[in-house]
Amino acid sequence: MQEIQYLTFKISEEVFGLGILHIKEIIEYESITHVPMMPDYIPGVINLRGHVVPVLDLNHRFYKKSSELNRKTCIIITEIQLEKENIDVGLLVDSVNEVVDIPDDSIEDAPSFGNKIRLDFIAGLGKIESQFVIILRLDKILNLEEFQQIHEKSTTMN
């Protein structure tokens, strides 16, 4: 039995998980610079140690409403491979919970009913005690074709 660690976080009172191997760091929310002509779910970019990092608002991506910013709001920095280079992408979330171990046999397929978010975003449902964690598929949420265009726009800003 293989246990995999997941970072859990909240978006609109629901608990989500992302494989810890996808996470580079977690930072406190600070101002985001708006960039014109980005998709609605990308409020803009941040400067992370001299690098331009696009930020994706998961609340907007999943539920079509912008995140309500407060002192618990965080940006999870992830890394994706785009063609032959790795680029950082920030995920705006309501709050970060903890890292948990969810064994493979505690993860069920995503149900085909009752979800408010697209099924292709969900890798499965992990069960921790009496709570479910919606495990996300980073590659589907980010939509790599869109991100190629966004990356090209943001690199012209450097």
N, C-alpha and C. Protein backbone atom coordinates (compact mmCIF):
# COMPACT_ATOMS: atom_id res chain seq x y z
N MET A 1 0.85 -1.20 0.00
CA MET A 1 0.00 0.00 0.00
C MET A 1 0.88 1.25 0.00
N GLN A 2 0.62 2.14 -0.92
CA GLN A 2 1.43 3.35 -1.05
C GLN A 2 0.65 4.54 -0.51
N GLU A 3 1.26 5.24 0.45
CA GLU A 3 0.62 6.45 0.94
C GLU A 3 1.21 7.64 0.22
N ILE A 4 0.36 8.56 -0.16
CA ILE A 4 0.80 9.75 -0.85
C ILE A 4 0.40 10.95 -0.01
N GLN A 5 1.29 11.91 0.09
CA GLN A 5 0.99 13.10 0.88
C GLN A 5 0.33 14.16 0.01
N TYR A 6 -0.66 14.82 0.60
CA TYR A 6 -1.41 15.88 -0.07
C TYR A 6 -1.45 17.11 0.81
N LEU A 7 -1.29 18.27 0.18
CA LEU A 7 -1.54 19.52 0.87
C LEU A 7 -3.03 19.79 0.76
N THR A 8 -3.68 20.01 1.91
CA THR A 8 -5.11 20.29 1.87
C THR A 8 -5.34 21.80 2.07
N PHE A 9 -6.37 22.29 1.39
CA PHE A 9 -6.70 23.71 1.47
C PHE A 9 -8.18 23.88 1.21
N LYS A 10 -8.68 25.06 1.56
CA LYS A 10 -10.11 25.33 1.40
C LYS A 10 -10.37 26.34 0.29
N ILE A 11 -11.45 26.06 -0.44
CA ILE A 11 -11.99 26.98 -1.43
C ILE A 11 -13.50 26.92 -1.24
N SER A 12 -14.13 28.05 -0.94
CA SER A 12 -15.58 28.11 -0.73
C SER A 12 -16.06 27.02 0.23
N GLU A 13 -15.39 26.89 1.35
CA GLU A 13 -15.76 25.96 2.44
C GLU A 13 -15.60 24.48 2.08
N GLU A 14 -15.08 24.16 0.90
CA GLU A 14 -14.82 22.76 0.57
C GLU A 14 -13.32 22.49 0.70
N VAL A 15 -12.98 21.26 1.08
CA VAL A 15 -11.58 20.89 1.27
C VAL A 15 -11.06 20.20 0.02
N PHE A 16 -9.93 20.70 -0.47
CA PHE A 16 -9.28 20.16 -1.66
C PHE A 16 -7.89 19.68 -1.29
N GLY A 17 -7.34 18.82 -2.13
CA GLY A 17 -5.98 18.34 -1.92
C GLY A 17 -5.21 18.34 -3.22
N LEU A 18 -3.92 18.59 -3.08
CA LEU A 18 -3.01 18.57 -4.22
C LEU A 18 -1.78 17.82 -3.79
N GLY A 19 -1.31 16.89 -4.64
CA GLY A 19 -0.13 16.11 -4.31
C GLY A 19 1.03 17.00 -3.92
N ILE A 20 1.69 16.68 -2.82
CA ILE A 20 2.75 17.53 -2.26
C ILE A 20 3.92 17.69 -3.24
N LEU A 21 4.09 16.74 -4.14
CA LEU A 21 5.19 16.84 -5.10
C LEU A 21 4.98 17.97 -6.10
N HIS A 22 3.74 18.46 -6.22
CA HIS A 22 3.44 19.58 -7.12
C HIS A 22 3.72 20.94 -6.47
N ILE A 23 3.89 20.95 -5.14
CA ILE A 23 3.97 22.21 -4.39
C ILE A 23 5.43 22.64 -4.21
N LYS A 24 5.71 23.88 -4.58
CA LYS A 24 7.05 24.44 -4.34
C LYS A 24 7.10 25.20 -3.02
N GLU A 25 6.09 26.03 -2.80
CA GLU A 25 6.03 26.78 -1.54
C GLU A 25 4.64 27.38 -1.38
N ILE A 26 4.39 27.91 -0.19
CA ILE A 26 3.13 28.58 0.13
C ILE A 26 3.50 29.97 0.62
N ILE A 27 2.87 30.98 0.06
CA ILE A 27 3.17 32.35 0.48
C ILE A 27 1.90 33.06 0.91
N GLU A 28 2.06 34.06 1.77
CA GLU A 28 0.92 34.87 2.16
C GLU A 28 0.47 35.68 0.95
N TYR A 29 -0.82 35.96 0.93
CA TYR A 29 -1.34 36.79 -0.15
C TYR A 29 -0.77 38.19 -0.03
N GLU A 30 -0.30 38.69 -1.15
CA GLU A 30 0.04 40.10 -1.24
C GLU A 30 -0.54 40.60 -2.54
N SER A 31 -0.41 41.86 -2.83
CA SER A 31 -1.11 42.41 -3.99
C SER A 31 -0.70 41.70 -5.28
N ILE A 32 -1.67 41.61 -6.17
CA ILE A 32 -1.48 40.99 -7.47
C ILE A 32 -1.57 42.10 -8.51
N THR A 33 -0.64 42.09 -9.46
CA THR A 33 -0.66 43.08 -10.53
C THR A 33 -1.56 42.58 -11.66
N HIS A 34 -2.58 43.36 -11.97
CA HIS A 34 -3.53 42.98 -13.02
C HIS A 34 -2.84 43.07 -14.39
N VAL A 35 -3.09 42.09 -15.23
CA VAL A 35 -2.56 42.08 -16.59
C VAL A 35 -3.76 42.03 -17.54
N PRO A 36 -3.86 42.98 -18.46
CA PRO A 36 -5.01 43.01 -19.38
C PRO A 36 -5.08 41.75 -20.25
N MET A 37 -6.29 41.41 -20.64
CA MET A 37 -6.58 40.33 -21.59
C MET A 37 -6.21 38.94 -21.09
N MET A 38 -6.19 38.74 -19.79
CA MET A 38 -6.02 37.41 -19.21
C MET A 38 -7.40 36.80 -19.04
N PRO A 39 -7.49 35.47 -18.96
CA PRO A 39 -8.80 34.87 -18.65
C PRO A 39 -9.30 35.39 -17.30
N ASP A 40 -10.62 35.38 -17.11
CA ASP A 40 -11.21 35.92 -15.88
C ASP A 40 -10.65 35.27 -14.61
N TYR A 41 -10.30 33.98 -14.68
CA TYR A 41 -9.84 33.28 -13.49
C TYR A 41 -8.37 33.55 -13.16
N ILE A 42 -7.72 34.40 -13.94
CA ILE A 42 -6.34 34.80 -13.65
C ILE A 42 -6.33 36.29 -13.32
N PRO A 43 -6.35 36.62 -12.01
CA PRO A 43 -6.43 38.03 -11.64
C PRO A 43 -5.17 38.82 -11.99
N GLY A 44 -4.04 38.13 -12.21
CA GLY A 44 -2.82 38.84 -12.58
C GLY A 44 -1.58 38.05 -12.23
N VAL A 45 -0.51 38.79 -11.93
CA VAL A 45 0.79 38.17 -11.66
C VAL A 45 1.37 38.74 -10.37
N ILE A 46 2.32 37.99 -9.79
CA ILE A 46 3.08 38.48 -8.64
C ILE A 46 4.56 38.43 -8.99
N ASN A 47 5.34 39.17 -8.24
CA ASN A 47 6.79 39.13 -8.37
C ASN A 47 7.31 38.22 -7.26
N LEU A 48 7.86 37.09 -7.63
CA LEU A 48 8.39 36.14 -6.66
C LEU A 48 9.90 36.07 -6.85
N ARG A 49 10.60 36.77 -5.99
CA ARG A 49 12.07 36.83 -6.04
C ARG A 49 12.58 37.15 -7.45
N GLY A 50 11.95 38.17 -8.06
CA GLY A 50 12.41 38.63 -9.37
C GLY A 50 11.80 37.92 -10.56
N HIS A 51 10.95 36.93 -10.32
CA HIS A 51 10.31 36.20 -11.41
C HIS A 51 8.83 36.56 -11.46
N VAL A 52 8.31 36.72 -12.68
CA VAL A 52 6.88 36.98 -12.86
C VAL A 52 6.14 35.65 -12.79
N VAL A 53 5.18 35.56 -11.85
CA VAL A 53 4.43 34.32 -11.65
C VAL A 53 2.93 34.62 -11.83
N PRO A 54 2.29 33.99 -12.84
CA PRO A 54 0.85 34.17 -13.00
C PRO A 54 0.11 33.51 -11.83
N VAL A 55 -0.98 34.14 -11.41
CA VAL A 55 -1.78 33.62 -10.29
C VAL A 55 -3.17 33.26 -10.81
N LEU A 56 -3.59 32.05 -10.46
CA LEU A 56 -4.88 31.52 -10.88
C LEU A 56 -5.80 31.49 -9.65
N ASP A 57 -6.96 32.12 -9.72
CA ASP A 57 -7.93 32.14 -8.63
C ASP A 57 -8.79 30.88 -8.74
N LEU A 58 -8.52 29.89 -7.86
CA LEU A 58 -9.24 28.61 -7.96
C LEU A 58 -10.74 28.78 -7.68
N ASN A 59 -11.09 29.73 -6.81
CA ASN A 59 -12.50 29.99 -6.55
C ASN A 59 -13.21 30.40 -7.84
N HIS A 60 -12.58 31.27 -8.59
CA HIS A 60 -13.17 31.72 -9.84
C HIS A 60 -13.15 30.60 -10.88
N ARG A 61 -12.06 29.84 -10.91
CA ARG A 61 -11.94 28.74 -11.88
C ARG A 61 -13.03 27.69 -11.67
N PHE A 62 -13.32 27.38 -10.40
CA PHE A 62 -14.29 26.33 -10.10
C PHE A 62 -15.73 26.84 -10.02
N TYR A 63 -15.92 27.98 -9.36
CA TYR A 63 -17.27 28.43 -9.01
C TYR A 63 -17.70 29.72 -9.71
N LYS A 64 -16.84 30.27 -10.56
CA LYS A 64 -17.14 31.50 -11.31
C LYS A 64 -17.39 32.71 -10.39
N LYS A 65 -16.74 32.71 -9.21
CA LYS A 65 -16.80 33.89 -8.35
C LYS A 65 -15.41 34.14 -7.77
N SER A 66 -15.06 35.39 -7.68
CA SER A 66 -13.72 35.75 -7.20
C SER A 66 -13.56 35.42 -5.72
N SER A 67 -12.34 35.10 -5.32
CA SER A 67 -12.04 34.82 -3.91
C SER A 67 -12.25 36.07 -3.08
N GLU A 68 -12.78 35.86 -1.88
CA GLU A 68 -12.86 36.95 -0.92
C GLU A 68 -11.55 36.96 -0.14
N LEU A 69 -10.81 38.04 -0.27
CA LEU A 69 -9.48 38.10 0.33
C LEU A 69 -9.58 38.43 1.82
N ASN A 70 -8.80 37.68 2.62
CA ASN A 70 -8.72 37.95 4.06
C ASN A 70 -7.34 37.52 4.56
N ARG A 71 -7.14 37.54 5.85
CA ARG A 71 -5.80 37.25 6.38
C ARG A 71 -5.36 35.79 6.19
N LYS A 72 -6.30 34.88 5.92
CA LYS A 72 -5.95 33.47 5.70
C LYS A 72 -5.68 33.15 4.23
N THR A 73 -6.00 34.08 3.34
CA THR A 73 -5.81 33.86 1.91
C THR A 73 -4.34 33.60 1.61
N CYS A 74 -4.06 32.56 0.84
CA CYS A 74 -2.69 32.18 0.50
C CYS A 74 -2.54 31.95 -1.00
N ILE A 75 -1.30 31.96 -1.42
CA ILE A 75 -0.97 31.58 -2.80
C ILE A 75 -0.05 30.37 -2.73
N ILE A 76 -0.51 29.27 -3.32
CA ILE A 76 0.30 28.04 -3.37
C ILE A 76 1.09 28.10 -4.67
N ILE A 77 2.41 28.06 -4.57
CA ILE A 77 3.26 28.11 -5.76
C ILE A 77 3.49 26.68 -6.23
N THR A 78 3.09 26.43 -7.48
CA THR A 78 3.29 25.11 -8.09
C THR A 78 4.19 25.28 -9.31
N GLU A 79 4.64 24.17 -9.82
CA GLU A 79 5.50 24.22 -11.00
C GLU A 79 4.91 23.30 -12.06
N ILE A 80 4.81 23.82 -13.27
CA ILE A 80 4.34 22.98 -14.37
C ILE A 80 5.39 22.98 -15.47
N GLN A 81 5.37 21.92 -16.27
CA GLN A 81 6.28 21.85 -17.39
C GLN A 81 5.54 22.30 -18.64
N LEU A 82 6.12 23.30 -19.29
CA LEU A 82 5.53 23.85 -20.50
C LEU A 82 6.58 23.71 -21.59
N GLU A 83 6.30 22.83 -22.54
CA GLU A 83 7.29 22.46 -23.54
C GLU A 83 8.55 21.99 -22.81
N LYS A 84 9.68 22.69 -22.98
CA LYS A 84 10.91 22.18 -22.36
C LYS A 84 11.32 22.96 -21.12
N GLU A 85 10.46 23.87 -20.65
CA GLU A 85 10.84 24.63 -19.47
C GLU A 85 9.80 24.49 -18.37
N ASN A 86 10.26 24.65 -17.13
CA ASN A 86 9.36 24.62 -15.99
C ASN A 86 8.99 26.06 -15.64
N ILE A 87 7.70 26.29 -15.42
CA ILE A 87 7.29 27.63 -15.01
C ILE A 87 6.49 27.52 -13.71
N ASP A 88 6.61 28.56 -12.90
CA ASP A 88 5.88 28.62 -11.64
C ASP A 88 4.50 29.22 -11.90
N VAL A 89 3.51 28.70 -11.18
CA VAL A 89 2.15 29.19 -11.26
C VAL A 89 1.63 29.28 -9.83
N GLY A 90 1.00 30.40 -9.49
CA GLY A 90 0.41 30.56 -8.16
C GLY A 90 -1.06 30.19 -8.18
N LEU A 91 -1.50 29.49 -7.14
CA LEU A 91 -2.91 29.13 -6.99
C LEU A 91 -3.46 29.89 -5.79
N LEU A 92 -4.41 30.77 -6.02
CA LEU A 92 -5.02 31.56 -4.95
C LEU A 92 -6.09 30.72 -4.27
N VAL A 93 -5.94 30.50 -2.94
CA VAL A 93 -6.90 29.69 -2.18
C VAL A 93 -7.35 30.46 -0.94
N ASP A 94 -8.50 30.06 -0.39
CA ASP A 94 -9.04 30.75 0.79
C ASP A 94 -8.16 30.55 2.02
N SER A 95 -7.69 29.32 2.22
CA SER A 95 -6.80 29.03 3.35
C SER A 95 -6.12 27.69 3.11
N VAL A 96 -4.94 27.54 3.71
CA VAL A 96 -4.21 26.27 3.63
C VAL A 96 -4.41 25.54 4.96
N ASN A 97 -4.70 24.24 4.89
CA ASN A 97 -4.95 23.46 6.11
C ASN A 97 -3.68 22.77 6.59
N GLU A 98 -3.37 21.61 5.99
CA GLU A 98 -2.25 20.80 6.47
C GLU A 98 -1.85 19.80 5.39
N VAL A 99 -0.73 19.13 5.63
CA VAL A 99 -0.31 18.03 4.78
C VAL A 99 -0.82 16.74 5.42
N VAL A 100 -1.49 15.91 4.63
CA VAL A 100 -2.05 14.66 5.14
C VAL A 100 -1.61 13.50 4.27
N ASP A 101 -1.57 12.32 4.87
CA ASP A 101 -1.31 11.08 4.13
C ASP A 101 -2.65 10.46 3.78
N ILE A 102 -2.85 10.20 2.49
CA ILE A 102 -4.07 9.52 2.06
C ILE A 102 -3.64 8.28 1.28
N PRO A 103 -3.84 7.10 1.86
CA PRO A 103 -3.47 5.87 1.14
C PRO A 103 -4.28 5.72 -0.14
N ASP A 104 -3.69 5.09 -1.14
CA ASP A 104 -4.38 4.88 -2.42
C ASP A 104 -5.74 4.20 -2.24
N ASP A 105 -5.82 3.26 -1.29
CA ASP A 105 -7.09 2.54 -1.12
C ASP A 105 -8.15 3.37 -0.40
N SER A 106 -7.80 4.58 0.02
CA SER A 106 -8.78 5.49 0.61
C SER A 106 -9.24 6.56 -0.38
N ILE A 107 -8.81 6.40 -1.65
CA ILE A 107 -9.20 7.36 -2.68
C ILE A 107 -10.17 6.69 -3.64
N GLU A 108 -11.34 7.31 -3.79
CA GLU A 108 -12.36 6.79 -4.69
C GLU A 108 -12.44 7.65 -5.93
N ASP A 109 -12.99 7.09 -7.00
CA ASP A 109 -13.21 7.88 -8.21
C ASP A 109 -14.17 9.01 -7.91
N ALA A 110 -14.02 10.09 -8.65
CA ALA A 110 -14.92 11.22 -8.48
C ALA A 110 -16.33 10.81 -8.89
N PRO A 111 -17.33 11.19 -8.09
CA PRO A 111 -18.71 10.85 -8.47
C PRO A 111 -19.12 11.62 -9.72
N SER A 112 -19.99 11.04 -10.50
CA SER A 112 -20.41 11.69 -11.74
C SER A 112 -21.64 12.58 -11.52
N PHE A 113 -21.94 12.85 -10.26
CA PHE A 113 -23.11 13.69 -9.96
C PHE A 113 -22.78 14.61 -8.78
N GLY A 114 -23.56 15.67 -8.68
CA GLY A 114 -23.51 16.51 -7.50
C GLY A 114 -22.32 17.45 -7.37
N ASN A 115 -21.42 17.46 -8.32
CA ASN A 115 -20.28 18.36 -8.21
C ASN A 115 -20.56 19.67 -8.90
N LYS A 116 -20.05 20.74 -8.29
CA LYS A 116 -20.21 22.06 -8.89
C LYS A 116 -19.02 22.38 -9.80
N ILE A 117 -17.97 21.56 -9.72
CA ILE A 117 -16.80 21.82 -10.55
C ILE A 117 -16.66 20.72 -11.60
N ARG A 118 -15.94 21.04 -12.65
CA ARG A 118 -15.80 20.09 -13.76
C ARG A 118 -15.14 18.79 -13.29
N LEU A 119 -15.67 17.68 -13.75
CA LEU A 119 -15.16 16.37 -13.34
C LEU A 119 -13.72 16.13 -13.77
N ASP A 120 -13.31 16.70 -14.91
CA ASP A 120 -11.94 16.46 -15.36
C ASP A 120 -10.91 17.17 -14.46
N PHE A 121 -11.36 18.08 -13.59
CA PHE A 121 -10.46 18.72 -12.62
C PHE A 121 -10.15 17.81 -11.44
N ILE A 122 -10.97 16.77 -11.25
CA ILE A 122 -10.90 15.95 -10.04
C ILE A 122 -10.26 14.59 -10.32
N ALA A 123 -9.19 14.28 -9.57
CA ALA A 123 -8.53 12.98 -9.70
C ALA A 123 -9.27 11.93 -8.87
N GLY A 124 -9.91 12.35 -7.79
CA GLY A 124 -10.64 11.42 -6.94
C GLY A 124 -11.04 12.08 -5.64
N LEU A 125 -11.71 11.29 -4.79
CA LEU A 125 -12.11 11.75 -3.46
C LEU A 125 -11.35 10.95 -2.42
N GLY A 126 -10.55 11.64 -1.63
CA GLY A 126 -9.82 10.97 -0.55
C GLY A 126 -10.62 11.06 0.73
N LYS A 127 -10.63 9.96 1.49
CA LYS A 127 -11.38 9.95 2.74
C LYS A 127 -10.41 10.01 3.91
N ILE A 128 -10.59 11.04 4.74
CA ILE A 128 -9.80 11.18 5.96
C ILE A 128 -10.79 11.23 7.11
N GLU A 129 -10.76 10.19 7.95
CA GLU A 129 -11.74 10.05 9.03
C GLU A 129 -13.14 10.18 8.42
N SER A 130 -13.92 11.18 8.80
CA SER A 130 -15.29 11.28 8.27
C SER A 130 -15.41 12.36 7.20
N GLN A 131 -14.28 12.86 6.73
CA GLN A 131 -14.28 13.98 5.80
C GLN A 131 -13.72 13.56 4.43
N PHE A 132 -14.28 14.14 3.37
CA PHE A 132 -13.76 13.90 2.04
C PHE A 132 -12.86 15.05 1.62
N VAL A 133 -11.79 14.73 0.91
CA VAL A 133 -10.90 15.71 0.32
C VAL A 133 -10.98 15.53 -1.19
N ILE A 134 -11.30 16.60 -1.90
CA ILE A 134 -11.37 16.55 -3.36
C ILE A 134 -9.95 16.69 -3.89
N ILE A 135 -9.42 15.62 -4.47
CA ILE A 135 -8.05 15.63 -4.97
C ILE A 135 -8.05 16.13 -6.41
N LEU A 136 -7.25 17.16 -6.63
CA LEU A 136 -7.28 17.86 -7.92
C LEU A 136 -6.24 17.34 -8.91
N ARG A 137 -6.53 17.53 -10.17
CA ARG A 137 -5.60 17.22 -11.26
C ARG A 137 -5.05 18.55 -11.77
N LEU A 138 -3.85 18.86 -11.36
CA LEU A 138 -3.24 20.15 -11.67
C LEU A 138 -3.17 20.41 -13.17
N ASP A 139 -2.83 19.38 -13.95
CA ASP A 139 -2.67 19.58 -15.40
C ASP A 139 -3.98 20.00 -16.05
N LYS A 140 -5.12 19.54 -15.55
CA LYS A 140 -6.42 19.89 -16.14
C LYS A 140 -6.87 21.28 -15.70
N ILE A 141 -6.61 21.62 -14.44
CA ILE A 141 -7.02 22.93 -13.91
C ILE A 141 -6.30 24.04 -14.66
N LEU A 142 -5.02 23.82 -14.92
CA LEU A 142 -4.20 24.86 -15.51
C LEU A 142 -4.45 25.04 -16.99
N ASN A 143 -4.90 24.02 -17.68
CA ASN A 143 -5.14 24.09 -19.12
C ASN A 143 -3.87 24.58 -19.82
N LEU A 144 -2.99 23.66 -20.11
CA LEU A 144 -1.65 23.99 -20.58
C LEU A 144 -1.62 24.83 -21.86
N GLU A 145 -2.61 24.67 -22.73
CA GLU A 145 -2.62 25.49 -23.95
C GLU A 145 -2.84 26.96 -23.59
N GLU A 146 -3.81 27.21 -22.69
CA GLU A 146 -4.03 28.59 -22.24
C GLU A 146 -2.79 29.13 -21.56
N PHE A 147 -2.16 28.26 -20.76
CA PHE A 147 -1.00 28.74 -20.00
C PHE A 147 0.18 29.05 -20.90
N GLN A 148 0.26 28.39 -22.03
CA GLN A 148 1.31 28.73 -22.99
C GLN A 148 1.15 30.18 -23.44
N GLN A 149 -0.09 30.55 -23.76
CA GLN A 149 -0.36 31.93 -24.18
C GLN A 149 -0.11 32.91 -23.04
N ILE A 150 -0.53 32.56 -21.84
CA ILE A 150 -0.34 33.44 -20.67
C ILE A 150 1.15 33.61 -20.39
N HIS A 151 1.88 32.52 -20.46
CA HIS A 151 3.32 32.57 -20.22
C HIS A 151 4.01 33.48 -21.24
N GLU A 152 3.58 33.37 -22.48
CA GLU A 152 4.16 34.23 -23.51
C GLU A 152 3.87 35.71 -23.22
N LYS A 153 2.64 36.01 -22.76
CA LYS A 153 2.30 37.39 -22.40
C LYS A 153 3.12 37.87 -21.21
N SER A 154 3.25 37.01 -20.19
CA SER A 154 3.94 37.45 -18.96
C SER A 154 5.45 37.58 -19.18
N THR A 155 6.04 36.80 -20.08
CA THR A 155 7.48 36.93 -20.32
C THR A 155 7.79 38.19 -21.10
N THR A 156 6.82 38.69 -21.85
CA THR A 156 7.06 39.96 -22.53
C THR A 156 7.05 41.13 -21.55
N MET A 157 6.57 40.88 -20.34
CA MET A 157 6.55 41.92 -19.29
C MET A 157 7.93 42.07 -18.64
N ASN A 158 8.77 41.04 -18.70
CA ASN A 158 10.08 41.06 -18.01
C ASN A 158 11.00 42.09 -18.61
